[in-house]
Each structure stands twice: as structure tokens, then as C-alpha cells.
Amino acid sequence: MVSIEPFNILKKMLDEHTSQNTHIYSYGPVIHNPQVVEHFNSQGVTIIHTLDELDTYPPGELLIRSHGVSEETIKKIQERGFTIVDSTCPYVKKNPSNC
């Protein structure tokens, strides 16, 4: 099963913030399709792969993709001043050990 929810959420984030100076990030690629990832990148979405990378960017909205992240990671992201947009798959949320 493929979740298109993170894809749609990211599109909505871009639509809502194109006129604003809001930085938009995704914690890992939102979809496993290089062309789509490149398209989002060209629209201003920055892909973050590690927490340490966050220190090199100004705070903004950070999408948590369907794979999810641990509660500890969420806390560390928020401590750095980023706003979380959580699109974690409900099945992953039910069993956080999958993160």
C-alpha cells in the first residue's frame, strides 16, 4: 500500500506558503520517485536526512513523511525551532517501533 497523504500535504504546504517567506523541509524524501523529489526541490522544498542538517538551515515547517520518526526526534526538531507537519502513516503510529 502506498500512502499519497504526505505527497498531498507537501503540495498543500507549498500552495499555502508560496507568497510567504516560509522555509519548507521534508525529513527524508516524501516519495521514492527521483523526478517527483526533484520537482519538489525545484519548488523550494529542502530534503533533510539527519538532525544535524537542521542546524544549517533556518527554522520553518518540516514534514514528517509516512515512515515517521521517534518521539525523541520530534522533540529535537521542535527544540531547533521547526514546526512539525506530521504525515506519519496511521499504521506506523500504532506501532512506533517501526520508526
Protein backbone atom coordinates (compact mmCIF):
# COMPACT_ATOMS: atom_id res chain seq x y z
CA MET A 1 0.00 0.00 0.00
CA VAL A 2 1.34 3.43 -0.97
CA SER A 3 0.38 6.47 1.05
CA ILE A 4 -0.17 9.59 -1.05
CA GLU A 5 -1.07 11.64 2.00
CA PRO A 6 2.47 13.07 2.57
CA PHE A 7 2.62 13.98 -1.13
CA ASN A 8 -0.69 15.86 -0.92
CA ILE A 9 0.25 17.54 2.35
CA LEU A 10 3.52 18.77 0.85
CA LYS A 11 1.68 20.13 -2.18
CA LYS A 12 -0.73 21.95 0.14
CA MET A 13 2.16 23.36 2.19
CA LEU A 14 3.69 24.76 -1.00
CA ASP A 15 0.37 26.20 -2.16
CA GLU A 16 -0.22 27.91 1.17
CA HIS A 17 3.26 29.35 1.54
CA THR A 18 4.33 30.37 -1.95
CA SER A 19 3.58 34.02 -1.23
CA GLN A 20 5.22 33.89 2.19
CA ASN A 21 8.88 33.54 3.09
CA THR A 22 8.36 30.22 4.88
CA HIS A 23 11.02 27.54 4.56
CA ILE A 24 9.63 24.09 3.83
CA TYR A 25 11.50 20.88 4.59
CA SER A 26 10.87 17.16 4.37
CA TYR A 27 12.55 14.74 6.75
CA GLY A 28 13.70 12.36 4.03
CA PRO A 29 12.20 12.19 0.56
CA VAL A 30 8.41 12.33 0.60
CA ILE A 31 8.16 9.71 -2.14
CA HIS A 32 10.55 7.20 -3.70
CA ASN A 33 10.47 8.80 -7.12
CA PRO A 34 13.52 10.90 -8.06
CA GLN A 35 11.59 13.01 -10.56
CA VAL A 36 8.94 13.97 -8.01
CA VAL A 37 11.58 14.68 -5.36
CA GLU A 38 13.43 16.91 -7.84
CA HIS A 39 10.17 18.69 -8.70
CA PHE A 40 9.54 19.47 -5.03
CA ASN A 41 13.16 20.57 -4.66
CA SER A 42 12.72 22.97 -7.60
CA GLN A 43 9.64 24.37 -5.82
CA GLY A 44 11.76 25.16 -2.74
CA VAL A 45 11.42 22.04 -0.59
CA THR A 46 14.66 21.05 1.13
CA ILE A 47 15.17 17.38 1.97
CA ILE A 48 16.70 16.81 5.41
CA HIS A 49 18.35 13.46 6.14
CA THR A 50 19.77 13.98 9.65
CA LEU A 51 19.08 16.12 12.69
CA ASP A 52 22.50 17.74 12.36
CA GLU A 53 21.49 19.12 8.95
CA LEU A 54 18.76 21.16 10.64
CA ASP A 55 21.44 23.32 12.25
CA THR A 56 22.48 24.58 8.80
CA TYR A 57 19.01 25.84 7.83
CA PRO A 58 16.67 28.50 9.21
CA PRO A 59 13.59 27.16 11.01
CA GLY A 60 10.45 26.53 9.02
CA GLU A 61 7.83 23.84 8.53
CA LEU A 62 9.17 20.30 8.44
CA LEU A 63 7.10 17.46 7.01
CA ILE A 64 7.47 14.10 8.70
CA ARG A 65 6.85 11.61 5.91
CA SER A 66 4.79 8.43 6.21
CA HIS A 67 7.73 6.45 7.63
CA GLY A 68 7.54 8.53 10.81
CA VAL A 69 10.27 9.34 13.31
CA SER A 70 10.69 8.69 17.01
CA GLU A 71 9.22 10.97 19.69
CA GLU A 72 12.80 11.86 20.65
CA THR A 73 13.49 13.03 17.10
CA ILE A 74 10.27 15.11 17.10
CA LYS A 75 11.35 16.77 20.33
CA LYS A 76 14.81 17.58 18.95
CA ILE A 77 13.30 19.06 15.79
CA GLN A 78 10.98 21.28 17.82
CA GLU A 79 13.84 22.34 20.10
CA ARG A 80 15.56 23.69 16.99
CA GLY A 81 12.53 25.91 16.29
CA PHE A 82 10.93 23.93 13.45
CA THR A 83 7.19 23.42 13.15
CA ILE A 84 6.23 19.77 12.64
CA VAL A 85 3.73 18.77 9.96
CA ASP A 86 3.18 15.10 10.76
CA SER A 87 2.06 12.81 7.94
CA THR A 88 3.13 9.58 9.60
CA CYS A 89 1.14 6.58 8.41
CA PRO A 90 -1.51 5.57 10.98
CA TYR A 91 -0.18 2.00 10.94
CA VAL A 92 3.29 3.23 11.84
CA LYS A 93 1.84 5.39 14.63
CA LYS A 94 0.13 2.32 16.11
CA ASN A 95 3.49 0.55 16.32
CA PRO A 96 6.20 3.19 16.84
CA SER A 97 8.91 0.55 16.92
CA ASN A 98 8.59 0.64 13.14
CA CYS A 99 10.25 4.08 13.10
